[in-house]
N, C-alpha and C. Protein backbone atom coordinates (compact mmCIF):
# COMPACT_ATOMS: atom_id res chain seq x y z
N UNK A 1 0.49 -0.74 0.00
CA UNK A 1 0.00 0.00 0.00
C UNK A 1 0.58 0.88 0.00
N UNK A 2 6.70 2.55 -0.79
CA UNK A 2 5.74 1.64 -0.09
C UNK A 2 4.97 2.42 0.91
N UNK A 3 5.53 3.42 1.32
CA UNK A 3 4.81 4.04 2.40
C UNK A 3 3.65 4.77 1.93
N UNK A 4 0.55 5.06 2.63
CA UNK A 4 -0.09 6.74 2.29
C UNK A 4 -0.84 6.83 2.25
N UNK A 5 -1.98 5.08 2.30
CA UNK A 5 -2.82 5.79 1.53
C UNK A 5 -3.26 6.34 3.11
N UNK A 6 -2.71 7.25 3.95
CA UNK A 6 -3.17 7.57 4.17
C UNK A 6 -3.22 8.12 4.04
N UNK A 7 -2.80 8.62 2.07
CA UNK A 7 -3.49 9.28 1.90
C UNK A 7 -3.98 9.03 2.27
N UNK A 8 -4.47 8.15 2.30
CA UNK A 8 -5.14 7.83 2.68
C UNK A 8 -4.84 7.82 2.76
N UNK A 9 -3.72 7.04 4.39
CA UNK A 9 -4.25 6.59 5.43
C UNK A 9 -3.45 6.46 5.84
N UNK A 10 -2.46 7.90 6.25
CA UNK A 10 -2.59 7.69 7.08
C UNK A 10 -3.84 7.83 7.08
N UNK A 11 -4.52 7.70 6.93
CA UNK A 11 -5.50 8.00 7.37
C UNK A 11 -5.63 7.22 8.09
N UNK A 12 -4.57 6.53 8.15
CA UNK A 12 -4.85 5.85 9.01
C UNK A 12 -4.60 6.01 9.93
N UNK A 13 -4.53 5.28 10.30
CA UNK A 13 -4.43 5.40 11.58
C UNK A 13 -3.97 6.58 11.85
N UNK A 14 -3.51 5.36 9.66
CA UNK A 14 -3.57 6.24 8.93
C UNK A 14 -3.56 6.47 9.07
N UNK A 15 -4.35 6.76 3.93
CA UNK A 15 -5.15 6.73 3.30
C UNK A 15 -5.47 7.99 2.97
N UNK A 16 -0.99 8.54 2.00
CA UNK A 16 -1.17 8.61 1.25
C UNK A 16 -0.34 8.18 1.28
N UNK A 17 -1.14 7.72 -0.17
CA UNK A 17 -0.59 7.59 -1.05
C UNK A 17 -0.55 8.56 -1.60
N UNK A 18 -0.89 10.27 -6.12
CA UNK A 18 0.17 10.12 -6.93
C UNK A 18 0.32 11.01 -7.86
N UNK A 19 0.60 13.37 -11.50
CA UNK A 19 0.26 12.22 -12.35
C UNK A 19 1.20 12.35 -13.47
N UNK A 20 1.47 12.87 -14.31
CA UNK A 20 2.52 12.60 -15.26
C UNK A 20 2.96 13.82 -16.02
N UNK A 21 3.16 13.66 -17.34
CA UNK A 21 3.93 14.64 -18.09
C UNK A 21 3.58 16.09 -17.85
N UNK A 22 2.32 16.47 -18.04
CA UNK A 22 2.05 17.90 -17.89
C UNK A 22 2.08 18.32 -16.46
N UNK A 23 1.82 17.34 -15.59
CA UNK A 23 1.86 17.67 -14.18
C UNK A 23 3.23 18.25 -13.88
N UNK A 24 4.20 17.67 -14.52
CA UNK A 24 5.55 18.15 -14.31
C UNK A 24 6.01 19.05 -15.44
N UNK A 25 5.18 19.13 -16.47
CA UNK A 25 5.55 19.95 -17.62
C UNK A 25 5.41 21.39 -17.23
N UNK A 26 6.21 21.84 -16.32
CA UNK A 26 6.13 23.19 -15.83
C UNK A 26 7.41 23.90 -16.16
N UNK A 27 7.43 24.65 -17.21
CA UNK A 27 8.65 25.36 -17.58
C UNK A 27 9.09 26.27 -16.47
N UNK A 28 8.54 26.25 -15.36
CA UNK A 28 8.91 27.08 -14.21
C UNK A 28 8.65 28.56 -14.49
N UNK A 29 7.58 28.82 -15.17
CA UNK A 29 7.15 30.21 -15.32
C UNK A 29 6.37 30.53 -14.06
N UNK A 30 6.05 31.78 -13.88
CA UNK A 30 5.37 32.18 -12.63
C UNK A 30 4.09 31.39 -12.43
N UNK A 31 3.30 31.24 -13.47
CA UNK A 31 2.03 30.54 -13.36
C UNK A 31 2.24 29.07 -13.02
N UNK A 32 3.23 28.45 -13.68
CA UNK A 32 3.49 27.04 -13.42
C UNK A 32 4.01 26.84 -12.01
N UNK A 33 4.86 27.76 -11.56
CA UNK A 33 5.43 27.64 -10.23
C UNK A 33 4.33 27.70 -9.18
N UNK A 34 3.33 28.54 -9.43
CA UNK A 34 2.21 28.66 -8.49
C UNK A 34 1.45 27.35 -8.42
N UNK A 35 1.23 26.74 -9.59
CA UNK A 35 0.51 25.46 -9.62
C UNK A 35 1.30 24.40 -8.85
N UNK A 36 2.62 24.38 -9.06
CA UNK A 36 3.45 23.40 -8.36
C UNK A 36 3.38 23.61 -6.86
N UNK A 37 3.38 24.88 -6.43
CA UNK A 37 3.31 25.18 -5.00
C UNK A 37 2.01 24.64 -4.43
N UNK A 38 0.94 24.73 -5.22
CA UNK A 38 -0.36 24.21 -4.77
C UNK A 38 -0.29 22.71 -4.56
N UNK A 39 0.32 22.00 -5.52
CA UNK A 39 0.48 20.55 -5.39
C UNK A 39 1.28 20.21 -4.14
N UNK A 40 2.38 20.94 -3.95
CA UNK A 40 3.23 20.68 -2.80
C UNK A 40 2.46 20.91 -1.51
N UNK A 41 1.57 21.91 -1.53
CA UNK A 41 0.76 22.18 -0.34
C UNK A 41 -0.15 21.01 -0.01
N UNK A 42 -0.75 20.41 -1.04
CA UNK A 42 -1.61 19.26 -0.83
C UNK A 42 -0.82 18.10 -0.23
N UNK A 43 0.37 17.87 -0.80
CA UNK A 43 1.20 16.76 -0.33
C UNK A 43 1.59 16.96 1.13
N UNK A 44 1.93 18.21 1.47
CA UNK A 44 2.31 18.51 2.85
C UNK A 44 1.15 18.25 3.79
N UNK A 45 -0.03 18.71 3.39
CA UNK A 45 -1.23 18.53 4.23
C UNK A 45 -1.53 17.05 4.42
N UNK A 46 -1.39 16.27 3.35
CA UNK A 46 -1.67 14.84 3.44
C UNK A 46 -0.66 14.14 4.35
N UNK A 47 0.61 14.56 4.25
CA UNK A 47 1.62 13.95 5.12
C UNK A 47 1.31 14.22 6.58
N UNK A 48 0.91 15.46 6.87
CA UNK A 48 0.61 15.83 8.25
C UNK A 48 -0.56 15.02 8.78
N UNK A 49 -1.57 14.82 7.94
CA UNK A 49 -2.73 14.02 8.35
C UNK A 49 -2.30 12.59 8.63
N UNK A 50 -1.48 12.06 7.75
CA UNK A 50 -1.01 10.70 7.92
C UNK A 50 -0.22 10.54 9.20
N UNK A 51 0.65 11.49 9.48
CA UNK A 51 1.46 11.42 10.70
C UNK A 51 0.58 11.53 11.93
N UNK A 52 -0.48 12.33 11.84
CA UNK A 52 -1.40 12.47 12.97
C UNK A 52 -2.05 11.13 13.28
N UNK A 53 -2.43 10.44 12.24
CA UNK A 53 -3.06 9.12 12.43
C UNK A 53 -2.09 8.15 13.07
N UNK A 54 -0.87 8.17 12.59
CA UNK A 54 0.14 7.25 13.11
C UNK A 54 0.38 7.51 14.59
N UNK A 55 0.48 8.77 14.96
CA UNK A 55 0.80 9.11 16.34
C UNK A 55 -0.37 8.88 17.29
N UNK A 56 -1.58 9.22 16.85
CA UNK A 56 -2.71 9.14 17.75
C UNK A 56 -3.48 7.83 17.64
N UNK A 57 -3.76 7.41 16.43
CA UNK A 57 -4.43 6.12 16.24
C UNK A 57 -5.82 6.05 16.82
N UNK A 58 -6.40 7.17 17.22
CA UNK A 58 -7.75 7.16 17.77
C UNK A 58 -8.55 8.27 17.12
N UNK A 59 -9.88 8.17 17.25
CA UNK A 59 -10.76 9.17 16.66
C UNK A 59 -10.36 9.44 15.21
N UNK A 60 -10.22 8.39 14.45
CA UNK A 60 -9.67 8.54 13.10
C UNK A 60 -10.68 8.95 12.04
N UNK A 61 -11.96 8.79 12.29
CA UNK A 61 -12.94 9.04 11.23
C UNK A 61 -12.87 10.45 10.65
N UNK A 62 -12.82 11.45 11.54
CA UNK A 62 -12.78 12.84 11.06
C UNK A 62 -11.49 13.11 10.29
N UNK A 63 -10.40 12.57 10.81
CA UNK A 63 -9.11 12.77 10.15
C UNK A 63 -9.12 12.11 8.78
N UNK A 64 -9.68 10.91 8.71
CA UNK A 64 -9.72 10.19 7.44
C UNK A 64 -10.57 10.92 6.42
N UNK A 65 -11.67 11.50 6.86
CA UNK A 65 -12.53 12.24 5.93
C UNK A 65 -11.77 13.43 5.35
N UNK A 66 -11.05 14.12 6.22
CA UNK A 66 -10.28 15.28 5.76
C UNK A 66 -9.24 14.84 4.75
N UNK A 67 -8.59 13.74 5.06
CA UNK A 67 -7.55 13.24 4.17
C UNK A 67 -8.13 12.81 2.84
N UNK A 68 -9.28 12.17 2.88
CA UNK A 68 -9.93 11.74 1.64
C UNK A 68 -10.30 12.93 0.78
N UNK A 69 -10.81 13.99 1.43
CA UNK A 69 -11.16 15.21 0.70
C UNK A 69 -9.93 15.83 0.06
N UNK A 70 -8.81 15.85 0.82
CA UNK A 70 -7.57 16.42 0.30
C UNK A 70 -7.08 15.60 -0.89
N UNK A 71 -7.20 14.29 -0.78
CA UNK A 71 -6.75 13.42 -1.86
C UNK A 71 -7.55 13.69 -3.13
N UNK A 72 -8.87 13.82 -2.97
CA UNK A 72 -9.73 14.09 -4.12
C UNK A 72 -9.36 15.41 -4.78
N UNK A 73 -9.05 16.40 -3.96
CA UNK A 73 -8.70 17.72 -4.49
C UNK A 73 -7.39 17.65 -5.27
N UNK A 74 -6.40 16.95 -4.70
CA UNK A 74 -5.12 16.82 -5.38
C UNK A 74 -5.28 16.02 -6.66
N UNK A 75 -6.12 14.98 -6.60
CA UNK A 75 -6.39 14.14 -7.76
C UNK A 75 -6.92 15.00 -8.91
N UNK A 76 -7.83 15.92 -8.60
CA UNK A 76 -8.40 16.80 -9.61
C UNK A 76 -7.33 17.72 -10.21
N UNK A 77 -6.45 18.22 -9.34
CA UNK A 77 -5.38 19.10 -9.81
C UNK A 77 -4.46 18.36 -10.78
N UNK A 78 -4.14 17.13 -10.43
CA UNK A 78 -3.25 16.34 -11.29
C UNK A 78 -3.90 16.16 -12.66
N UNK A 79 -5.18 15.79 -12.66
CA UNK A 79 -5.84 15.51 -13.93
C UNK A 79 -6.01 16.76 -14.78
N UNK A 80 -6.21 17.90 -14.14
CA UNK A 80 -6.31 19.16 -14.87
C UNK A 80 -5.02 19.39 -15.64
N UNK A 81 -3.90 19.11 -14.99
CA UNK A 81 -2.60 19.28 -15.63
C UNK A 81 -2.39 18.24 -16.73
N UNK A 82 -2.86 17.03 -16.48
CA UNK A 82 -2.65 15.96 -17.45
C UNK A 82 -3.35 16.23 -18.78
N UNK A 83 -4.41 17.03 -18.73
CA UNK A 83 -5.14 17.32 -19.95
C UNK A 83 -4.28 18.06 -20.97
N UNK A 84 -3.18 18.63 -20.49
CA UNK A 84 -2.33 19.44 -21.36
C UNK A 84 -1.17 18.66 -21.98
N UNK A 85 -1.05 17.39 -21.65
CA UNK A 85 0.13 16.68 -22.13
C UNK A 85 -0.17 15.57 -23.13
N UNK A 86 0.88 14.93 -23.53
CA UNK A 86 0.81 13.83 -24.47
C UNK A 86 -0.24 12.82 -24.03
N UNK A 87 -1.14 12.45 -24.94
CA UNK A 87 -2.22 11.53 -24.59
C UNK A 87 -1.70 10.17 -24.15
N UNK A 88 -0.52 9.79 -24.62
CA UNK A 88 0.06 8.50 -24.24
C UNK A 88 0.26 8.44 -22.73
N UNK A 89 0.70 9.56 -22.17
CA UNK A 89 0.92 9.64 -20.72
C UNK A 89 -0.40 9.91 -20.01
N UNK A 90 -1.16 10.86 -20.54
CA UNK A 90 -2.40 11.27 -19.89
C UNK A 90 -3.37 10.10 -19.72
N UNK A 91 -3.50 9.29 -20.75
CA UNK A 91 -4.49 8.21 -20.73
C UNK A 91 -3.92 6.88 -20.24
N UNK A 92 -2.71 6.90 -19.75
CA UNK A 92 -2.07 5.67 -19.28
C UNK A 92 -2.84 5.12 -18.09
N UNK A 93 -3.31 3.87 -18.22
CA UNK A 93 -4.18 3.28 -17.21
C UNK A 93 -3.55 3.23 -15.82
N UNK A 94 -2.25 3.04 -15.76
CA UNK A 94 -1.61 2.88 -14.45
C UNK A 94 -1.59 4.19 -13.67
N UNK A 95 -1.77 5.31 -14.36
CA UNK A 95 -1.88 6.59 -13.66
C UNK A 95 -3.15 6.56 -12.81
N UNK A 96 -4.22 6.07 -13.41
CA UNK A 96 -5.50 5.98 -12.69
C UNK A 96 -5.42 4.91 -11.59
N UNK A 97 -4.68 3.86 -11.84
CA UNK A 97 -4.56 2.78 -10.85
C UNK A 97 -3.95 3.28 -9.55
N UNK A 98 -2.99 4.20 -9.65
CA UNK A 98 -2.33 4.72 -8.46
C UNK A 98 -3.36 5.31 -7.51
N UNK A 99 -4.24 6.15 -8.04
CA UNK A 99 -5.24 6.79 -7.18
C UNK A 99 -6.29 5.78 -6.73
N UNK A 100 -6.66 4.86 -7.62
CA UNK A 100 -7.66 3.86 -7.27
C UNK A 100 -7.22 3.02 -6.08
N UNK A 101 -5.96 2.58 -6.10
CA UNK A 101 -5.46 1.75 -5.00
C UNK A 101 -5.28 2.56 -3.72
N UNK A 102 -4.94 3.83 -3.84
CA UNK A 102 -4.83 4.66 -2.64
C UNK A 102 -6.20 4.76 -1.96
N UNK A 103 -7.24 4.96 -2.76
CA UNK A 103 -8.59 5.04 -2.21
C UNK A 103 -8.98 3.72 -1.54
N UNK A 104 -8.60 2.62 -2.17
CA UNK A 104 -8.96 1.31 -1.62
C UNK A 104 -8.22 1.03 -0.31
N UNK A 105 -6.99 1.51 -0.23
CA UNK A 105 -6.23 1.34 1.01
C UNK A 105 -6.94 2.06 2.15
N UNK A 106 -7.35 3.29 1.88
CA UNK A 106 -8.04 4.08 2.89
C UNK A 106 -9.35 3.42 3.29
N UNK A 107 -10.08 2.90 2.31
CA UNK A 107 -11.36 2.26 2.58
C UNK A 107 -11.19 1.04 3.47
N UNK A 108 -10.19 0.22 3.17
CA UNK A 108 -9.94 -0.97 3.98
C UNK A 108 -9.69 -0.59 5.43
N UNK A 109 -8.88 0.41 5.62
CA UNK A 109 -8.55 0.83 6.99
C UNK A 109 -9.76 1.39 7.70
N UNK A 110 -10.43 2.35 7.07
CA UNK A 110 -11.55 3.02 7.73
C UNK A 110 -12.70 2.06 8.04
N UNK A 111 -12.93 1.11 7.16
CA UNK A 111 -14.04 0.18 7.35
C UNK A 111 -13.77 -0.88 8.41
N UNK A 112 -12.50 -1.10 8.72
CA UNK A 112 -12.19 -2.20 9.63
C UNK A 112 -11.59 -1.81 10.98
N UNK A 113 -10.83 -0.74 11.05
CA UNK A 113 -10.16 -0.43 12.30
C UNK A 113 -11.14 -0.13 13.43
N UNK A 114 -12.18 0.66 13.14
CA UNK A 114 -13.16 1.00 14.18
C UNK A 114 -13.91 -0.25 14.62
N UNK A 115 -14.25 -1.09 13.64
CA UNK A 115 -14.97 -2.33 13.93
C UNK A 115 -14.13 -3.26 14.81
N UNK A 116 -12.86 -3.37 14.51
CA UNK A 116 -11.98 -4.23 15.30
C UNK A 116 -11.82 -3.69 16.71
N UNK A 117 -11.69 -2.38 16.83
CA UNK A 117 -11.50 -1.79 18.15
C UNK A 117 -12.73 -1.99 19.04
N UNK A 118 -13.90 -2.03 18.42
CA UNK A 118 -15.13 -2.15 19.21
C UNK A 118 -15.55 -3.60 19.46
N UNK A 119 -14.80 -4.56 18.92
CA UNK A 119 -15.14 -5.97 19.11
C UNK A 119 -14.85 -6.37 20.56
N UNK A 120 -15.88 -6.73 21.32
CA UNK A 120 -15.70 -7.07 22.73
C UNK A 120 -14.98 -8.40 22.98
N UNK A 121 -14.82 -9.18 21.93
CA UNK A 121 -14.21 -10.50 22.10
C UNK A 121 -12.71 -10.51 21.81
N UNK A 122 -12.18 -9.39 21.36
CA UNK A 122 -10.74 -9.29 21.13
C UNK A 122 -10.08 -8.77 22.40
N UNK A 123 -8.94 -9.32 22.74
CA UNK A 123 -8.24 -8.87 23.94
C UNK A 123 -7.50 -7.55 23.65
N UNK A 124 -7.21 -6.78 24.70
CA UNK A 124 -6.46 -5.52 24.51
C UNK A 124 -5.14 -5.76 23.78
N UNK A 125 -4.49 -6.88 24.10
CA UNK A 125 -3.21 -7.19 23.44
C UNK A 125 -3.40 -7.42 21.95
N UNK A 126 -4.46 -8.13 21.59
CA UNK A 126 -4.73 -8.39 20.18
C UNK A 126 -5.02 -7.09 19.43
N UNK A 127 -5.83 -6.24 20.05
CA UNK A 127 -6.18 -4.96 19.42
C UNK A 127 -4.94 -4.10 19.25
N UNK A 128 -4.10 -4.08 20.27
CA UNK A 128 -2.87 -3.28 20.20
C UNK A 128 -1.98 -3.78 19.05
N UNK A 129 -1.93 -5.10 18.89
CA UNK A 129 -1.12 -5.67 17.82
C UNK A 129 -1.65 -5.28 16.44
N UNK A 130 -2.98 -5.28 16.30
CA UNK A 130 -3.60 -4.89 15.04
C UNK A 130 -3.34 -3.42 14.73
N UNK A 131 -3.49 -2.59 15.75
CA UNK A 131 -3.26 -1.15 15.57
C UNK A 131 -1.80 -0.90 15.19
N UNK A 132 -0.91 -1.64 15.85
CA UNK A 132 0.51 -1.49 15.57
C UNK A 132 0.81 -1.87 14.11
N UNK A 133 0.20 -2.96 13.65
CA UNK A 133 0.41 -3.41 12.28
C UNK A 133 -0.09 -2.39 11.27
N UNK A 134 -1.28 -1.87 11.53
CA UNK A 134 -1.84 -0.86 10.62
C UNK A 134 -0.97 0.40 10.63
N UNK A 135 -0.44 0.73 11.79
CA UNK A 135 0.40 1.93 11.90
C UNK A 135 1.62 1.81 10.99
N UNK A 136 2.24 0.63 11.00
CA UNK A 136 3.41 0.40 10.15
C UNK A 136 3.03 0.52 8.67
N UNK A 137 1.94 -0.14 8.29
CA UNK A 137 1.52 -0.13 6.90
C UNK A 137 1.13 1.26 6.42
N UNK A 138 0.43 2.01 7.28
CA UNK A 138 0.00 3.33 6.88
C UNK A 138 1.17 4.31 6.84
N UNK A 139 2.15 4.08 7.71
CA UNK A 139 3.34 4.93 7.69
C UNK A 139 4.07 4.74 6.36
N UNK A 140 4.16 3.48 5.93
CA UNK A 140 4.79 3.19 4.65
C UNK A 140 4.00 3.83 3.51
N UNK A 141 2.69 3.81 3.64
CA UNK A 141 1.84 4.38 2.60
C UNK A 141 2.06 5.88 2.47
N UNK A 142 2.21 6.54 3.60
CA UNK A 142 2.46 7.98 3.57
C UNK A 142 3.78 8.26 2.86
N UNK A 143 4.72 7.34 3.02
CA UNK A 143 6.01 7.52 2.38
C UNK A 143 5.92 7.53 0.86
N UNK A 144 4.87 6.93 0.31
CA UNK A 144 4.70 6.94 -1.14
C UNK A 144 4.47 8.36 -1.66
N UNK A 145 4.04 9.24 -0.77
CA UNK A 145 3.82 10.62 -1.19
C UNK A 145 5.13 11.27 -1.61
N UNK A 146 6.23 10.76 -1.08
CA UNK A 146 7.53 11.30 -1.49
C UNK A 146 7.75 11.05 -2.98
N UNK A 147 7.26 9.90 -3.45
CA UNK A 147 7.39 9.60 -4.87
C UNK A 147 6.51 10.53 -5.70
N UNK A 148 5.35 10.88 -5.15
CA UNK A 148 4.47 11.80 -5.85
C UNK A 148 5.15 13.16 -5.96
N UNK A 149 5.83 13.54 -4.89
CA UNK A 149 6.51 14.82 -4.88
C UNK A 149 7.60 14.86 -5.94
N UNK A 150 8.28 13.74 -6.12
CA UNK A 150 9.38 13.67 -7.08
C UNK A 150 8.95 14.09 -8.48
N UNK A 151 7.82 13.60 -8.91
CA UNK A 151 7.39 13.89 -10.27
C UNK A 151 6.86 15.31 -10.42
N UNK A 152 6.72 16.03 -9.31
CA UNK A 152 6.25 17.41 -9.35
C UNK A 152 7.37 18.41 -9.19
N UNK A 153 8.59 17.95 -9.03
CA UNK A 153 9.72 18.86 -8.83
C UNK A 153 10.18 19.45 -10.16
N UNK A 154 10.86 20.61 -10.10
CA UNK A 154 11.35 21.25 -11.32
C UNK A 154 12.19 20.32 -12.18
N UNK A 155 13.01 19.49 -11.54
CA UNK A 155 13.87 18.59 -12.29
C UNK A 155 13.08 17.60 -13.12
N UNK A 156 11.89 17.24 -12.65
CA UNK A 156 11.07 16.27 -13.37
C UNK A 156 10.56 16.82 -14.69
N UNK A 157 10.57 18.15 -14.84
CA UNK A 157 10.10 18.76 -16.08
C UNK A 157 10.97 18.35 -17.26
N UNK A 158 12.18 17.88 -16.97
CA UNK A 158 13.12 17.49 -18.02
C UNK A 158 12.93 16.03 -18.44
N UNK A 159 12.06 15.31 -17.75
CA UNK A 159 11.86 13.90 -18.06
C UNK A 159 11.18 13.74 -19.42
N UNK A 160 11.53 12.68 -20.12
CA UNK A 160 10.86 12.35 -21.37
C UNK A 160 9.59 11.57 -21.04
N UNK A 161 8.71 11.40 -22.03
CA UNK A 161 7.50 10.62 -21.80
C UNK A 161 7.85 9.20 -21.37
N UNK A 162 8.87 8.62 -21.99
CA UNK A 162 9.28 7.26 -21.65
C UNK A 162 9.73 7.17 -20.20
N UNK A 163 10.47 8.18 -19.75
CA UNK A 163 10.94 8.21 -18.36
C UNK A 163 9.76 8.36 -17.39
N UNK A 164 8.79 9.16 -17.79
CA UNK A 164 7.62 9.35 -16.92
C UNK A 164 6.82 8.06 -16.80
N UNK A 165 6.67 7.36 -17.93
CA UNK A 165 5.94 6.10 -17.91
C UNK A 165 6.66 5.08 -17.03
N UNK A 166 7.97 5.07 -17.10
CA UNK A 166 8.75 4.15 -16.26
C UNK A 166 8.56 4.49 -14.79
N UNK A 167 8.58 5.79 -14.48
CA UNK A 167 8.39 6.24 -13.10
C UNK A 167 7.00 5.84 -12.61
N UNK A 168 5.99 6.06 -13.46
CA UNK A 168 4.62 5.73 -13.11
C UNK A 168 4.47 4.24 -12.87
N UNK A 169 5.10 3.42 -13.72
CA UNK A 169 5.05 1.96 -13.54
C UNK A 169 5.61 1.55 -12.19
N UNK A 170 6.73 2.14 -11.84
CA UNK A 170 7.37 1.81 -10.57
C UNK A 170 6.49 2.20 -9.38
N UNK A 171 5.92 3.40 -9.46
CA UNK A 171 5.06 3.86 -8.38
C UNK A 171 3.78 3.04 -8.29
N UNK A 172 3.22 2.70 -9.44
CA UNK A 172 2.01 1.88 -9.47
C UNK A 172 2.26 0.52 -8.83
N UNK A 173 3.42 -0.07 -9.11
CA UNK A 173 3.76 -1.37 -8.51
C UNK A 173 3.85 -1.25 -6.98
N UNK A 174 4.42 -0.16 -6.51
CA UNK A 174 4.56 0.04 -5.06
C UNK A 174 3.19 0.16 -4.40
N UNK A 175 2.33 0.97 -5.01
CA UNK A 175 1.00 1.19 -4.44
C UNK A 175 0.18 -0.09 -4.46
N UNK A 176 0.27 -0.83 -5.56
CA UNK A 176 -0.47 -2.10 -5.67
C UNK A 176 0.01 -3.08 -4.60
N UNK A 177 1.32 -3.17 -4.42
CA UNK A 177 1.88 -4.07 -3.40
C UNK A 177 1.42 -3.64 -2.01
N UNK A 178 1.39 -2.34 -1.77
CA UNK A 178 0.97 -1.85 -0.47
C UNK A 178 -0.49 -2.21 -0.20
N UNK A 179 -1.31 -2.11 -1.23
CA UNK A 179 -2.72 -2.47 -1.09
C UNK A 179 -2.85 -3.96 -0.75
N UNK A 180 -2.06 -4.78 -1.41
CA UNK A 180 -2.10 -6.23 -1.14
C UNK A 180 -1.71 -6.53 0.30
N UNK A 181 -0.73 -5.81 0.82
CA UNK A 181 -0.31 -6.01 2.21
C UNK A 181 -1.42 -5.61 3.18
N UNK A 182 -2.02 -4.45 2.93
CA UNK A 182 -3.09 -3.97 3.81
C UNK A 182 -4.29 -4.91 3.72
N UNK A 183 -4.58 -5.40 2.52
CA UNK A 183 -5.70 -6.32 2.32
C UNK A 183 -5.46 -7.63 3.08
N UNK A 184 -4.25 -8.18 2.96
CA UNK A 184 -3.91 -9.42 3.66
C UNK A 184 -4.01 -9.23 5.17
N UNK A 185 -3.44 -8.14 5.66
CA UNK A 185 -3.45 -7.88 7.10
C UNK A 185 -4.88 -7.71 7.61
N UNK A 186 -5.72 -7.06 6.81
CA UNK A 186 -7.11 -6.85 7.19
C UNK A 186 -7.86 -8.17 7.26
N UNK A 187 -7.67 -9.04 6.27
CA UNK A 187 -8.35 -10.34 6.26
C UNK A 187 -7.88 -11.18 7.45
N UNK A 188 -6.62 -11.09 7.76
CA UNK A 188 -6.07 -11.84 8.91
C UNK A 188 -6.72 -11.37 10.20
N UNK A 189 -6.85 -10.06 10.35
CA UNK A 189 -7.48 -9.51 11.55
C UNK A 189 -8.95 -9.90 11.64
N UNK A 190 -9.62 -9.89 10.50
CA UNK A 190 -11.03 -10.27 10.48
C UNK A 190 -11.21 -11.73 10.87
N UNK A 191 -10.29 -12.58 10.42
CA UNK A 191 -10.36 -14.00 10.75
C UNK A 191 -10.16 -14.22 12.25
N UNK A 192 -9.22 -13.49 12.83
CA UNK A 192 -8.97 -13.60 14.27
C UNK A 192 -10.20 -13.13 15.04
N UNK A 193 -10.78 -12.02 14.61
CA UNK A 193 -11.95 -11.47 15.29
C UNK A 193 -13.12 -12.44 15.20
N UNK A 194 -13.32 -13.05 14.03
CA UNK A 194 -14.42 -13.99 13.84
C UNK A 194 -14.22 -15.23 14.72
N UNK A 195 -12.99 -15.70 14.80
CA UNK A 195 -12.67 -16.88 15.61
C UNK A 195 -12.92 -16.60 17.09
N UNK A 196 -12.46 -15.44 17.54
CA UNK A 196 -12.64 -15.07 18.95
C UNK A 196 -14.12 -14.92 19.29
N UNK A 197 -14.86 -14.31 18.37
CA UNK A 197 -16.29 -14.09 18.59
C UNK A 197 -17.02 -15.42 18.68
N UNK A 198 -16.72 -16.33 17.77
CA UNK A 198 -17.39 -17.64 17.76
C UNK A 198 -17.05 -18.42 19.03
N UNK A 199 -15.79 -18.39 19.43
CA UNK A 199 -15.38 -19.11 20.64
C UNK A 199 -16.12 -18.59 21.86
N UNK A 200 -16.25 -17.28 21.96
CA UNK A 200 -16.93 -16.68 23.11
C UNK A 200 -18.41 -17.02 23.10
N UNK A 201 -19.02 -16.98 21.92
CA UNK A 201 -20.45 -17.28 21.82
C UNK A 201 -20.72 -18.76 22.10
N UNK A 202 -19.84 -19.64 21.64
CA UNK A 202 -19.99 -21.07 21.90
C UNK A 202 -19.87 -21.35 23.40
N UNK A 203 -18.93 -20.67 24.03
CA UNK A 203 -18.73 -20.85 25.46
C UNK A 203 -19.96 -20.39 26.23
N UNK A 204 -20.52 -19.28 25.80
CA UNK A 204 -21.72 -18.75 26.47
C UNK A 204 -22.89 -19.71 26.31
N UNK A 205 -23.03 -20.29 25.11
CA UNK A 205 -24.12 -21.22 24.85
C UNK A 205 -23.99 -22.47 25.73
N UNK A 206 -22.78 -22.99 25.86
CA UNK A 206 -22.56 -24.18 26.68
C UNK A 206 -22.89 -23.90 28.14
N UNK A 207 -22.53 -22.72 28.60
CA UNK A 207 -22.83 -22.36 29.98
C UNK A 207 -24.34 -22.30 30.21
N UNK A 208 -25.03 -21.79 29.21
CA UNK A 208 -26.48 -21.70 29.34
C UNK A 208 -27.11 -23.09 29.34
N UNK A 209 -26.59 -23.98 28.48
CA UNK A 209 -27.11 -25.34 28.40
C UNK A 209 -26.92 -26.11 29.70
N UNK A 210 -25.78 -25.85 30.36
CA UNK A 210 -25.49 -26.54 31.61
C UNK A 210 -25.94 -25.76 32.83
N UNK A 211 -26.62 -24.67 32.58
CA UNK A 211 -27.13 -23.88 33.69
C UNK A 211 -26.07 -23.22 34.53
N UNK A 212 -24.94 -22.94 33.92
CA UNK A 212 -23.86 -22.28 34.65
C UNK A 212 -24.00 -20.77 34.54
N UNK A 213 -23.53 -20.08 35.58
CA UNK A 213 -23.60 -18.62 35.55
C UNK A 213 -22.52 -18.10 34.62
N UNK A 214 -22.73 -16.92 34.03
CA UNK A 214 -21.77 -16.34 33.09
C UNK A 214 -20.55 -15.82 33.80
């Protein structure tokens, strides 16, 4: 997911995680420099949100919503810029995949962390372990924002379309791998929670059948 989505995520505890030629096609004129500064501002805001999630790990819903909104805004800015460049880069499917997987990383975290924390059948130690795992994954996800920053720097304006596509491929692979890690970790946590819940419910049923007090 390697280090975002918080952009997501942090959001997490997070949900960030990314667009190409024209985004960086900034001859560094005053107007282009202003646009770049705007992008950098979004990235900075997303990093701060991600770090907040990592450090606090509680009351994440509001933070995640803010991060998701910031991600959507930055996504729009990237695409506005992409409209001005070579269609080969602009329409490259993996550009869209980067944002798609960032959104999915954030969704996995937001949909499961609160649920896991509120599960009465998980022990404090188990919950702490899950939170710790998500913290590591979301911290790595936030680190992916550094790659996004790279393609927005003045030096990136000198990249050829082929170089940009190579960069996008590399970043897309990182984001996809990060999503797979978060997905695996989430399924593992869900399995543990389901097992604990069933064991507790079975125990309660047996006590009732034998007339034992809870």
